[in-house]
Amino acid sequence: MNADYEKYKGIHPGIVLDRELKKRSIKQRPFALSLEEHPQTFNAITKGKRGISTALALKIERELGLEEGTLVILQAYYDIQKIKEKETQQTPDLNVLSKSLFWDTDFQKINWEEQYKAVIQRVFERGDEEEKNEIIRFYGIEKTEKALKESKIRKPYTINNFKNSAD
């Protein structure tokens, strides 16, 4: 892999591709069509919403004069990065939290960091004292209080429940 692309390890290859196209003043749609690829698929790749296949990566690399395998290697590093993030993702004690609190979602797929506001609000609206204390322990008092105050469905008992649990 070219040393210029070494710094992009862990970044979605579509984002790197989008930057390369802009640098060369190449429009996405005509470029996708020249590769006999659907523009919608190509757009999803450049937005980082879809992975890039080896076959498509090779076509793009040939067309842009990139070193063969660059985009495939970037895709591999991106996939590795995502797996590492998932493995190191911290979770509250799932033995304390009732799965029934999250009846409308797959309990194992909750992203506890990205969805912290929804998690905190739900536990404080429907959870028992032990569950609320676990959320406070996991997120900390400041983050919990902030999420409760920013709640769009902010009900008075939510803040009161927080104050009772924090004592």
N, C-alpha and C. Protein backbone atom coordinates (compact mmCIF):
# COMPACT_ATOMS: atom_id res chain seq x y z
N MET A 1 0.85 -1.19 0.00
CA MET A 1 0.00 0.00 0.00
C MET A 1 0.89 1.24 0.00
N ASN A 2 0.48 2.22 -0.77
CA ASN A 2 1.19 3.48 -0.88
C ASN A 2 1.25 4.16 0.49
N ALA A 3 2.39 4.75 0.82
CA ALA A 3 2.58 5.41 2.11
C ALA A 3 1.60 6.56 2.31
N ASP A 4 1.12 7.16 1.22
CA ASP A 4 0.14 8.25 1.33
C ASP A 4 -1.16 7.77 1.96
N TYR A 5 -1.47 6.50 1.76
CA TYR A 5 -2.72 5.95 2.26
C TYR A 5 -2.56 5.27 3.62
N GLU A 6 -1.34 5.14 4.08
CA GLU A 6 -1.05 4.51 5.37
C GLU A 6 -1.78 5.25 6.51
N LYS A 7 -1.89 6.56 6.40
CA LYS A 7 -2.53 7.36 7.45
C LYS A 7 -4.04 7.15 7.51
N TYR A 8 -4.62 6.49 6.52
CA TYR A 8 -6.06 6.28 6.48
C TYR A 8 -6.50 4.96 7.09
N LYS A 9 -5.59 4.23 7.68
CA LYS A 9 -5.95 2.95 8.30
C LYS A 9 -7.06 3.16 9.32
N GLY A 10 -8.10 2.35 9.23
CA GLY A 10 -9.22 2.45 10.17
C GLY A 10 -10.33 3.38 9.71
N ILE A 11 -10.10 4.09 8.61
CA ILE A 11 -11.13 4.98 8.05
C ILE A 11 -11.79 4.24 6.89
N HIS A 12 -13.08 4.41 6.75
CA HIS A 12 -13.81 3.72 5.69
C HIS A 12 -13.21 4.08 4.33
N PRO A 13 -12.93 3.08 3.47
CA PRO A 13 -12.30 3.36 2.18
C PRO A 13 -13.16 4.23 1.28
N GLY A 14 -14.47 4.21 1.46
CA GLY A 14 -15.35 5.06 0.67
C GLY A 14 -15.12 6.53 0.95
N ILE A 15 -14.82 6.86 2.17
CA ILE A 15 -14.53 8.25 2.53
C ILE A 15 -13.22 8.70 1.90
N VAL A 16 -12.23 7.81 1.89
CA VAL A 16 -10.95 8.09 1.24
C VAL A 16 -11.18 8.24 -0.27
N LEU A 17 -12.00 7.37 -0.84
CA LEU A 17 -12.33 7.44 -2.27
C LEU A 17 -13.02 8.76 -2.60
N ASP A 18 -13.98 9.16 -1.78
CA ASP A 18 -14.70 10.41 -2.00
C ASP A 18 -13.72 11.59 -2.02
N ARG A 19 -12.79 11.57 -1.10
CA ARG A 19 -11.78 12.64 -1.03
C ARG A 19 -10.91 12.65 -2.29
N GLU A 20 -10.54 11.45 -2.73
CA GLU A 20 -9.70 11.32 -3.93
C GLU A 20 -10.44 11.84 -5.17
N LEU A 21 -11.73 11.51 -5.28
CA LEU A 21 -12.53 11.99 -6.41
C LEU A 21 -12.64 13.50 -6.40
N LYS A 22 -12.87 14.08 -5.24
CA LYS A 22 -12.98 15.54 -5.13
C LYS A 22 -11.65 16.21 -5.48
N LYS A 23 -10.57 15.60 -5.03
CA LYS A 23 -9.23 16.14 -5.31
C LYS A 23 -8.97 16.18 -6.81
N ARG A 24 -9.51 15.20 -7.52
CA ARG A 24 -9.31 15.11 -8.97
C ARG A 24 -10.46 15.75 -9.75
N SER A 25 -11.40 16.35 -9.05
CA SER A 25 -12.58 16.99 -9.67
C SER A 25 -13.37 16.00 -10.54
N ILE A 26 -13.56 14.81 -10.01
CA ILE A 26 -14.33 13.78 -10.72
C ILE A 26 -15.69 13.67 -10.05
N LYS A 27 -16.74 13.74 -10.83
CA LYS A 27 -18.11 13.61 -10.32
C LYS A 27 -18.41 12.13 -10.07
N GLN A 28 -19.11 11.88 -8.97
CA GLN A 28 -19.42 10.51 -8.57
C GLN A 28 -20.26 9.75 -9.59
N ARG A 29 -21.38 10.35 -9.99
CA ARG A 29 -22.33 9.64 -10.85
C ARG A 29 -21.71 9.19 -12.18
N PRO A 30 -21.09 10.10 -12.93
CA PRO A 30 -20.46 9.66 -14.19
C PRO A 30 -19.35 8.62 -13.96
N PHE A 31 -18.61 8.79 -12.87
CA PHE A 31 -17.54 7.84 -12.57
C PHE A 31 -18.13 6.46 -12.29
N ALA A 32 -19.20 6.41 -11.49
CA ALA A 32 -19.85 5.14 -11.18
C ALA A 32 -20.37 4.48 -12.45
N LEU A 33 -20.99 5.26 -13.30
CA LEU A 33 -21.52 4.72 -14.56
C LEU A 33 -20.41 4.22 -15.47
N SER A 34 -19.27 4.90 -15.47
CA SER A 34 -18.13 4.46 -16.29
C SER A 34 -17.59 3.11 -15.81
N LEU A 35 -17.82 2.81 -14.53
CA LEU A 35 -17.39 1.53 -13.97
C LEU A 35 -18.49 0.47 -14.04
N GLU A 36 -19.62 0.85 -14.66
CA GLU A 36 -20.80 -0.01 -14.75
C GLU A 36 -21.31 -0.39 -13.36
N GLU A 37 -21.32 0.61 -12.49
CA GLU A 37 -21.81 0.44 -11.11
C GLU A 37 -22.99 1.37 -10.90
N HIS A 38 -23.95 0.94 -10.10
CA HIS A 38 -25.11 1.79 -9.82
C HIS A 38 -24.64 3.02 -9.03
N PRO A 39 -25.06 4.22 -9.45
CA PRO A 39 -24.66 5.43 -8.74
C PRO A 39 -25.09 5.42 -7.26
N GLN A 40 -26.24 4.81 -6.97
CA GLN A 40 -26.71 4.76 -5.58
C GLN A 40 -25.78 3.91 -4.72
N THR A 41 -25.35 2.80 -5.26
CA THR A 41 -24.42 1.93 -4.55
C THR A 41 -23.10 2.66 -4.32
N PHE A 42 -22.63 3.30 -5.37
CA PHE A 42 -21.37 4.04 -5.29
C PHE A 42 -21.46 5.16 -4.24
N ASN A 43 -22.60 5.85 -4.22
CA ASN A 43 -22.81 6.92 -3.26
C ASN A 43 -22.80 6.37 -1.82
N ALA A 44 -23.46 5.23 -1.62
CA ALA A 44 -23.47 4.62 -0.28
C ALA A 44 -22.04 4.27 0.16
N ILE A 45 -21.24 3.82 -0.76
CA ILE A 45 -19.84 3.49 -0.44
C ILE A 45 -19.08 4.75 -0.05
N THR A 46 -19.22 5.82 -0.84
CA THR A 46 -18.47 7.05 -0.55
C THR A 46 -18.95 7.75 0.71
N LYS A 47 -20.14 7.42 1.17
CA LYS A 47 -20.65 7.98 2.43
C LYS A 47 -20.26 7.11 3.62
N GLY A 48 -19.63 5.96 3.36
CA GLY A 48 -19.21 5.07 4.43
C GLY A 48 -20.33 4.20 4.96
N LYS A 49 -21.42 4.09 4.21
CA LYS A 49 -22.57 3.30 4.65
C LYS A 49 -22.56 1.88 4.12
N ARG A 50 -21.65 1.61 3.22
CA ARG A 50 -21.57 0.29 2.60
C ARG A 50 -20.11 -0.05 2.34
N GLY A 51 -19.78 -1.31 2.51
CA GLY A 51 -18.42 -1.76 2.27
C GLY A 51 -18.12 -1.81 0.78
N ILE A 52 -16.85 -1.89 0.47
CA ILE A 52 -16.44 -1.95 -0.93
C ILE A 52 -15.96 -3.37 -1.24
N SER A 53 -16.48 -3.94 -2.30
CA SER A 53 -16.08 -5.30 -2.68
C SER A 53 -14.71 -5.27 -3.34
N THR A 54 -14.07 -6.42 -3.35
CA THR A 54 -12.74 -6.52 -3.97
C THR A 54 -12.81 -6.21 -5.47
N ALA A 55 -13.85 -6.75 -6.13
CA ALA A 55 -13.98 -6.53 -7.58
C ALA A 55 -14.14 -5.04 -7.90
N LEU A 56 -14.99 -4.36 -7.17
CA LEU A 56 -15.19 -2.93 -7.40
C LEU A 56 -13.94 -2.14 -7.04
N ALA A 57 -13.29 -2.53 -5.95
CA ALA A 57 -12.06 -1.84 -5.54
C ALA A 57 -11.00 -1.92 -6.65
N LEU A 58 -10.87 -3.09 -7.25
CA LEU A 58 -9.89 -3.25 -8.34
C LEU A 58 -10.24 -2.38 -9.54
N LYS A 59 -11.52 -2.31 -9.89
CA LYS A 59 -11.95 -1.44 -11.01
C LYS A 59 -11.60 0.02 -10.72
N ILE A 60 -11.91 0.46 -9.51
CA ILE A 60 -11.66 1.85 -9.13
C ILE A 60 -10.15 2.14 -9.14
N GLU A 61 -9.38 1.23 -8.58
CA GLU A 61 -7.93 1.42 -8.52
C GLU A 61 -7.32 1.51 -9.91
N ARG A 62 -7.78 0.66 -10.81
CA ARG A 62 -7.28 0.72 -12.20
C ARG A 62 -7.63 2.05 -12.84
N GLU A 63 -8.87 2.46 -12.67
CA GLU A 63 -9.37 3.69 -13.30
C GLU A 63 -8.64 4.93 -12.76
N LEU A 64 -8.35 4.93 -11.45
CA LEU A 64 -7.71 6.10 -10.84
C LEU A 64 -6.19 5.99 -10.80
N GLY A 65 -5.66 4.86 -11.22
CA GLY A 65 -4.20 4.69 -11.21
C GLY A 65 -3.64 4.50 -9.81
N LEU A 66 -4.43 3.93 -8.92
CA LEU A 66 -3.96 3.67 -7.56
C LEU A 66 -3.25 2.33 -7.52
N GLU A 67 -2.41 2.16 -6.53
CA GLU A 67 -1.72 0.88 -6.36
C GLU A 67 -2.76 -0.21 -6.10
N GLU A 68 -2.59 -1.34 -6.77
CA GLU A 68 -3.54 -2.44 -6.65
C GLU A 68 -3.63 -2.93 -5.21
N GLY A 69 -4.86 -3.04 -4.72
CA GLY A 69 -5.10 -3.55 -3.37
C GLY A 69 -5.26 -2.47 -2.31
N THR A 70 -5.01 -1.23 -2.67
CA THR A 70 -5.09 -0.15 -1.69
C THR A 70 -6.46 -0.08 -1.01
N LEU A 71 -7.52 -0.03 -1.81
CA LEU A 71 -8.85 0.11 -1.24
C LEU A 71 -9.30 -1.14 -0.48
N VAL A 72 -8.88 -2.30 -0.97
CA VAL A 72 -9.21 -3.56 -0.28
C VAL A 72 -8.53 -3.60 1.09
N ILE A 73 -7.28 -3.17 1.12
CA ILE A 73 -6.55 -3.14 2.39
C ILE A 73 -7.19 -2.14 3.34
N LEU A 74 -7.58 -0.98 2.82
CA LEU A 74 -8.26 0.01 3.66
C LEU A 74 -9.57 -0.56 4.20
N GLN A 75 -10.30 -1.32 3.38
CA GLN A 75 -11.54 -1.95 3.83
C GLN A 75 -11.25 -2.95 4.95
N ALA A 76 -10.19 -3.72 4.79
CA ALA A 76 -9.82 -4.70 5.82
C ALA A 76 -9.46 -4.00 7.13
N TYR A 77 -8.66 -2.94 7.06
CA TYR A 77 -8.31 -2.20 8.27
C TYR A 77 -9.54 -1.57 8.92
N TYR A 78 -10.45 -1.09 8.10
CA TYR A 78 -11.70 -0.51 8.62
C TYR A 78 -12.51 -1.58 9.35
N ASP A 79 -12.63 -2.76 8.74
CA ASP A 79 -13.36 -3.86 9.37
C ASP A 79 -12.71 -4.27 10.70
N ILE A 80 -11.40 -4.32 10.71
CA ILE A 80 -10.67 -4.64 11.94
C ILE A 80 -10.96 -3.61 13.02
N GLN A 81 -10.92 -2.33 12.63
CA GLN A 81 -11.19 -1.24 13.57
C GLN A 81 -12.58 -1.37 14.18
N LYS A 82 -13.57 -1.69 13.35
CA LYS A 82 -14.95 -1.83 13.84
C LYS A 82 -15.07 -2.99 14.82
N ILE A 83 -14.40 -4.09 14.54
CA ILE A 83 -14.44 -5.25 15.44
C ILE A 83 -13.78 -4.90 16.77
N LYS A 84 -12.65 -4.21 16.72
CA LYS A 84 -11.96 -3.80 17.95
C LYS A 84 -12.84 -2.87 18.79
N GLU A 85 -13.51 -1.94 18.12
CA GLU A 85 -14.40 -1.03 18.83
C GLU A 85 -15.53 -1.79 19.51
N LYS A 86 -16.06 -2.77 18.81
CA LYS A 86 -17.16 -3.56 19.36
C LYS A 86 -16.68 -4.38 20.56
N GLU A 87 -15.47 -4.93 20.47
CA GLU A 87 -14.93 -5.75 21.55
C GLU A 87 -14.63 -4.93 22.80
N THR A 88 -14.20 -3.70 22.60
CA THR A 88 -13.83 -2.87 23.75
C THR A 88 -14.98 -2.00 24.25
N GLN A 89 -16.13 -2.13 23.63
CA GLN A 89 -17.26 -1.31 24.04
C GLN A 89 -17.67 -1.69 25.46
N GLN A 90 -17.72 -0.71 26.30
CA GLN A 90 -18.11 -0.91 27.69
C GLN A 90 -19.63 -1.01 27.78
N THR A 91 -20.10 -1.81 28.70
CA THR A 91 -21.54 -1.92 28.93
C THR A 91 -21.81 -1.85 30.43
N PRO A 92 -23.00 -1.41 30.76
CA PRO A 92 -23.36 -1.50 32.18
C PRO A 92 -23.50 -2.97 32.57
N ASP A 93 -23.68 -3.24 33.85
CA ASP A 93 -23.86 -4.62 34.30
C ASP A 93 -25.21 -5.11 33.81
N LEU A 94 -25.18 -5.99 32.80
CA LEU A 94 -26.41 -6.45 32.17
C LEU A 94 -27.20 -7.42 33.05
N ASN A 95 -26.58 -7.87 34.14
CA ASN A 95 -27.31 -8.70 35.10
C ASN A 95 -28.24 -7.87 35.97
N VAL A 96 -27.94 -6.57 36.06
CA VAL A 96 -28.77 -5.67 36.87
C VAL A 96 -29.93 -5.11 36.04
N LEU A 97 -29.65 -4.76 34.79
CA LEU A 97 -30.69 -4.16 33.94
C LEU A 97 -31.64 -5.22 33.41
N SER A 98 -32.91 -4.94 33.54
CA SER A 98 -33.94 -5.85 33.05
C SER A 98 -34.10 -5.71 31.54
N LYS A 99 -34.12 -6.84 30.84
CA LYS A 99 -34.31 -6.80 29.39
C LYS A 99 -35.68 -6.25 29.04
N SER A 100 -36.63 -6.35 29.95
CA SER A 100 -37.99 -5.85 29.67
C SER A 100 -38.01 -4.33 29.53
N LEU A 101 -36.99 -3.64 30.07
CA LEU A 101 -36.91 -2.19 29.87
C LEU A 101 -36.71 -1.85 28.40
N PHE A 102 -36.06 -2.75 27.69
CA PHE A 102 -35.73 -2.53 26.29
C PHE A 102 -36.47 -3.54 25.42
N TRP A 103 -37.72 -3.70 25.70
CA TRP A 103 -38.57 -4.68 25.03
C TRP A 103 -38.66 -4.46 23.52
N ASP A 104 -38.46 -3.24 23.05
CA ASP A 104 -38.65 -2.92 21.64
C ASP A 104 -37.35 -2.93 20.83
N THR A 105 -36.28 -3.42 21.41
CA THR A 105 -35.00 -3.44 20.70
C THR A 105 -34.23 -4.70 21.07
N ASP A 106 -33.25 -5.05 20.25
CA ASP A 106 -32.41 -6.20 20.55
C ASP A 106 -31.40 -5.77 21.61
N PHE A 107 -31.54 -6.32 22.78
CA PHE A 107 -30.74 -5.95 23.95
C PHE A 107 -29.24 -6.06 23.67
N GLN A 108 -28.84 -7.05 22.88
CA GLN A 108 -27.42 -7.28 22.60
C GLN A 108 -26.85 -6.28 21.59
N LYS A 109 -27.71 -5.56 20.88
CA LYS A 109 -27.23 -4.64 19.84
C LYS A 109 -27.29 -3.17 20.27
N ILE A 110 -27.60 -2.93 21.52
CA ILE A 110 -27.64 -1.54 22.01
C ILE A 110 -26.22 -1.00 22.04
N ASN A 111 -26.03 0.17 21.45
CA ASN A 111 -24.75 0.86 21.53
C ASN A 111 -24.84 1.78 22.73
N TRP A 112 -24.28 1.36 23.84
CA TRP A 112 -24.46 2.04 25.13
C TRP A 112 -23.89 3.45 25.13
N GLU A 113 -22.87 3.71 24.31
CA GLU A 113 -22.29 5.06 24.27
C GLU A 113 -23.08 5.98 23.35
N GLU A 114 -23.39 5.53 22.15
CA GLU A 114 -24.10 6.40 21.20
C GLU A 114 -25.53 6.66 21.62
N GLN A 115 -26.16 5.69 22.25
CA GLN A 115 -27.58 5.80 22.60
C GLN A 115 -27.77 6.10 24.08
N TYR A 116 -26.79 6.72 24.71
CA TYR A 116 -26.83 6.91 26.15
C TYR A 116 -28.05 7.71 26.62
N LYS A 117 -28.45 8.73 25.86
CA LYS A 117 -29.59 9.54 26.30
C LYS A 117 -30.86 8.70 26.38
N ALA A 118 -31.12 7.92 25.34
CA ALA A 118 -32.32 7.08 25.32
C ALA A 118 -32.28 6.03 26.43
N VAL A 119 -31.10 5.44 26.65
CA VAL A 119 -30.96 4.42 27.69
C VAL A 119 -31.24 5.04 29.07
N ILE A 120 -30.59 6.15 29.35
CA ILE A 120 -30.75 6.80 30.65
C ILE A 120 -32.21 7.20 30.87
N GLN A 121 -32.81 7.83 29.87
CA GLN A 121 -34.19 8.28 30.02
C GLN A 121 -35.13 7.11 30.25
N ARG A 122 -34.94 6.02 29.52
CA ARG A 122 -35.82 4.87 29.67
C ARG A 122 -35.68 4.24 31.05
N VAL A 123 -34.45 4.08 31.51
CA VAL A 123 -34.25 3.46 32.82
C VAL A 123 -34.85 4.32 33.92
N PHE A 124 -34.71 5.65 33.80
CA PHE A 124 -35.25 6.51 34.84
C PHE A 124 -36.77 6.66 34.77
N GLU A 125 -37.35 6.39 33.64
CA GLU A 125 -38.80 6.43 33.54
C GLU A 125 -39.44 5.13 34.00
N ARG A 126 -38.75 3.98 33.74
CA ARG A 126 -39.40 2.68 33.96
C ARG A 126 -38.64 1.74 34.89
N GLY A 127 -37.40 2.08 35.21
CA GLY A 127 -36.58 1.15 35.98
C GLY A 127 -36.77 1.27 37.49
N ASP A 128 -36.23 0.27 38.20
CA ASP A 128 -36.28 0.31 39.66
C ASP A 128 -35.01 0.99 40.18
N GLU A 129 -34.90 1.12 41.48
CA GLU A 129 -33.77 1.84 42.09
C GLU A 129 -32.42 1.19 41.76
N GLU A 130 -32.37 -0.13 41.77
CA GLU A 130 -31.12 -0.83 41.47
C GLU A 130 -30.66 -0.54 40.04
N GLU A 131 -31.60 -0.52 39.10
CA GLU A 131 -31.27 -0.23 37.70
C GLU A 131 -30.81 1.22 37.54
N LYS A 132 -31.47 2.13 38.22
CA LYS A 132 -31.07 3.54 38.15
C LYS A 132 -29.67 3.74 38.73
N ASN A 133 -29.40 3.07 39.83
CA ASN A 133 -28.07 3.18 40.44
C ASN A 133 -26.99 2.61 39.51
N GLU A 134 -27.31 1.54 38.79
CA GLU A 134 -26.35 0.97 37.84
C GLU A 134 -26.06 1.95 36.70
N ILE A 135 -27.09 2.63 36.22
CA ILE A 135 -26.92 3.63 35.16
C ILE A 135 -26.07 4.79 35.65
N ILE A 136 -26.31 5.23 36.86
CA ILE A 136 -25.50 6.31 37.44
C ILE A 136 -24.05 5.86 37.58
N ARG A 137 -23.83 4.62 38.04
CA ARG A 137 -22.48 4.09 38.18
C ARG A 137 -21.78 4.03 36.81
N PHE A 138 -22.51 3.57 35.79
CA PHE A 138 -21.92 3.38 34.47
C PHE A 138 -21.64 4.71 33.76
N TYR A 139 -22.62 5.60 33.74
CA TYR A 139 -22.47 6.86 33.00
C TYR A 139 -21.93 8.01 33.85
N GLY A 140 -22.06 7.93 35.14
CA GLY A 140 -21.65 9.02 36.01
C GLY A 140 -22.81 9.97 36.24
N ILE A 141 -22.75 10.70 37.34
CA ILE A 141 -23.84 11.59 37.73
C ILE A 141 -24.03 12.72 36.72
N GLU A 142 -22.92 13.33 36.28
CA GLU A 142 -23.03 14.49 35.38
C GLU A 142 -23.70 14.11 34.06
N LYS A 143 -23.24 13.03 33.45
CA LYS A 143 -23.78 12.61 32.15
C LYS A 143 -25.24 12.18 32.30
N THR A 144 -25.56 11.51 33.40
CA THR A 144 -26.94 11.07 33.64
C THR A 144 -27.85 12.27 33.81
N GLU A 145 -27.44 13.20 34.63
CA GLU A 145 -28.26 14.39 34.87
C GLU A 145 -28.44 15.20 33.58
N LYS A 146 -27.38 15.33 32.81
CA LYS A 146 -27.45 16.06 31.54
C LYS A 146 -28.45 15.40 30.60
N ALA A 147 -28.40 14.08 30.47
CA ALA A 147 -29.32 13.36 29.59
C ALA A 147 -30.76 13.53 30.03
N LEU A 148 -30.98 13.52 31.33
CA LEU A 148 -32.35 13.69 31.83
C LEU A 148 -32.86 15.11 31.60
N LYS A 149 -31.98 16.08 31.76
CA LYS A 149 -32.40 17.47 31.55
C LYS A 149 -32.67 17.77 30.07
N GLU A 150 -31.96 17.08 29.17
CA GLU A 150 -32.12 17.32 27.73
C GLU A 150 -33.24 16.49 27.11
N SER A 151 -33.91 15.71 27.92
CA SER A 151 -34.96 14.84 27.42
C SER A 151 -36.06 15.64 26.74
N LYS A 152 -36.43 15.24 25.52
CA LYS A 152 -37.50 15.92 24.80
C LYS A 152 -38.86 15.57 25.37
N ILE A 153 -38.96 14.42 26.02
CA ILE A 153 -40.22 14.02 26.63
C ILE A 153 -40.15 14.22 28.13
N ARG A 154 -39.29 15.11 28.52
CA ARG A 154 -38.97 15.39 29.92
C ARG A 154 -40.21 15.47 30.79
N LYS A 155 -40.36 14.49 31.62
CA LYS A 155 -41.47 14.47 32.57
C LYS A 155 -40.89 14.82 33.93
N PRO A 156 -41.63 15.55 34.73
CA PRO A 156 -41.08 15.98 36.03
C PRO A 156 -40.57 14.83 36.89
N TYR A 157 -41.23 13.66 36.83
CA TYR A 157 -40.79 12.57 37.69
C TYR A 157 -39.43 12.03 37.29
N THR A 158 -39.03 12.26 36.05
CA THR A 158 -37.74 11.77 35.61
C THR A 158 -36.62 12.46 36.40
N ILE A 159 -36.66 13.76 36.48
CA ILE A 159 -35.64 14.51 37.22
C ILE A 159 -35.76 14.20 38.70
N ASN A 160 -36.95 14.13 39.22
CA ASN A 160 -37.12 13.80 40.64
C ASN A 160 -36.59 12.42 40.96
N ASN A 161 -36.84 11.45 40.05
CA ASN A 161 -36.32 10.11 40.25
C ASN A 161 -34.80 10.12 40.29
N PHE A 162 -34.21 10.95 39.46
CA PHE A 162 -32.77 11.05 39.43
C PHE A 162 -32.25 11.56 40.76
N LYS A 163 -32.85 12.60 41.26
CA LYS A 163 -32.39 13.19 42.52
C LYS A 163 -32.53 12.22 43.68
N ASN A 164 -33.59 11.41 43.67
CA ASN A 164 -33.78 10.42 44.71
C ASN A 164 -32.72 9.33 44.63
N SER A 165 -32.37 8.91 43.42
CA SER A 165 -31.40 7.82 43.23
C SER A 165 -29.98 8.28 43.53
N ALA A 166 -29.69 9.54 43.24
CA ALA A 166 -28.33 10.06 43.44
C ALA A 166 -27.98 10.25 44.89
N ASP A 167 -28.98 10.33 45.75
CA ASP A 167 -28.72 10.56 47.19
C ASP A 167 -28.19 9.34 47.90
